[in-house]
Protein backbone atom coordinates (compact mmCIF):
# COMPACT_ATOMS: atom_id res chain seq x y z
CA MET A 1 1.12 13.66 75.69
CA ASN A 2 1.62 15.30 79.07
CA ILE A 3 4.39 14.69 81.63
CA ASP A 4 4.14 15.86 85.22
CA LEU A 5 7.30 15.72 87.30
CA SER A 6 7.65 16.50 90.99
CA ILE A 7 10.76 16.05 93.09
CA ASN A 8 10.48 15.81 96.86
CA GLY A 9 13.83 15.20 98.49
CA SER A 10 15.19 11.88 97.29
CA ILE A 11 12.02 10.83 95.44
CA ALA A 12 11.09 11.96 91.94
CA SER A 13 7.55 11.21 90.76
CA MET A 14 6.70 11.30 87.07
CA LYS A 15 3.26 10.78 85.52
CA ILE A 16 2.95 10.32 81.77
CA ASP A 17 -0.44 10.70 80.08
CA GLY A 18 -1.05 9.86 76.43
CA ILE A 19 1.20 8.23 73.85
CA LEU A 20 4.98 8.54 74.12
CA ASN A 21 6.49 8.49 70.63
CA SER A 22 9.41 9.88 68.61
CA GLU A 23 7.64 13.22 68.13
CA ASN A 24 7.47 13.98 71.86
CA ALA A 25 10.30 11.86 73.32
CA HIS A 26 12.40 15.03 73.69
CA LEU A 27 9.95 16.14 76.43
CA LEU A 28 10.64 12.91 78.32
CA GLN A 29 14.38 13.48 77.88
CA GLU A 30 14.09 16.96 79.43
CA LYS A 31 12.24 15.61 82.47
CA LEU A 32 14.65 12.70 82.92
CA SER A 33 17.60 15.12 82.74
CA ALA A 34 15.99 17.13 85.54
CA VAL A 35 15.79 13.95 87.65
CA ILE A 36 19.50 13.23 87.04
CA ALA A 37 20.37 16.84 88.01
CA SER A 38 18.36 16.58 91.24
CA LYS A 39 19.28 14.77 94.44
CA ALA A 40 16.63 12.10 93.81
CA ASN A 41 17.67 8.46 94.04
CA LEU A 42 14.24 6.94 93.33
CA LEU A 43 12.09 7.62 90.27
CA GLU A 44 8.47 6.55 90.62
CA LEU A 45 6.86 6.31 87.18
CA ASP A 46 3.08 6.41 86.88
CA LEU A 47 2.18 5.05 83.45
CA LEU A 48 -1.47 4.20 84.13
CA ASP A 49 -2.70 6.78 81.60
CA CYS A 50 0.12 6.13 79.13
CA ARG A 51 -1.47 4.19 76.30
CA ASN A 52 1.68 3.26 74.37
CA ILE A 53 5.44 3.86 74.29
CA SER A 54 7.38 3.76 71.01
CA SER A 55 10.86 2.32 70.61
CA THR A 56 12.25 5.86 70.90
CA GLY A 57 10.58 6.28 74.30
CA ILE A 58 11.86 2.88 75.45
CA GLY A 59 15.34 3.92 74.35
CA LYS A 60 15.16 7.14 76.40
CA ILE A 61 14.05 5.18 79.46
CA LEU A 62 16.86 2.62 79.04
CA LEU A 63 19.55 5.28 78.62
CA PHE A 64 18.23 7.06 81.71
CA TYR A 65 18.18 3.76 83.63
CA LYS A 66 21.83 3.12 82.78
CA ASP A 67 22.91 6.59 83.94
CA PHE A 68 20.62 6.64 86.98
CA ILE A 69 21.66 3.29 88.46
CA SER A 70 25.33 4.22 88.03
CA THR A 71 24.68 6.99 90.58
CA GLY A 72 22.83 4.65 92.95
CA GLY A 73 19.38 5.46 91.62
CA GLU A 74 16.41 3.14 91.33
CA ILE A 75 13.31 3.14 89.10
CA GLU A 76 9.89 1.75 89.92
CA VAL A 77 6.82 1.79 87.71
CA ILE A 78 4.18 2.26 90.40
CA ARG A 79 1.22 1.90 88.01
CA SER A 80 0.98 0.98 84.34
CA SER A 81 -1.69 0.45 81.75
CA ASN A 82 -2.22 -3.08 80.44
CA SER A 83 -0.56 -2.27 77.10
CA VAL A 84 2.54 -0.73 78.72
CA TYR A 85 2.76 -3.58 81.25
CA GLU A 86 2.67 -6.14 78.43
CA LEU A 87 5.27 -4.18 76.45
CA PHE A 88 7.65 -3.95 79.43
CA SER A 89 7.15 -7.66 80.17
CA MET A 90 7.75 -8.65 76.55
CA LEU A 91 10.97 -6.59 76.47
CA LYS A 92 11.90 -8.02 79.90
CA LEU A 93 12.25 -4.52 81.36
CA ASN A 94 10.48 -5.91 84.43
CA GLN A 95 13.77 -7.72 85.12
CA LEU A 96 15.60 -4.37 85.36
CA PHE A 97 13.10 -2.59 87.59
CA THR A 98 9.76 -3.21 89.26
CA VAL A 99 6.73 -2.79 86.99
CA ASN A 100 3.32 -2.81 88.68
CA LEU A 101 0.06 -3.17 86.82
CA GLY A 102 -2.44 -0.32 87.37
């Protein structure tokens, strides 16, 4: 798995490639902590090349969401793979933030 993060003013952009699971979720946590520490108030997630997210990865995203919105932040999945889109829809995460299909 590979995570690219760039922060430009108030917008953080994160692209995740590969499979996000319990073995590499700590990498996601590090990147999300950097977003919290920045001045960003919008996180754009690109999950088009993310093939699957485990329950650990979902948990990290939900904990981040809770902390981020409490500071006025917003999350948007700008692109997602079919499998991730279906997972987010099934878990009703698309009711918390916008999830766009690739």
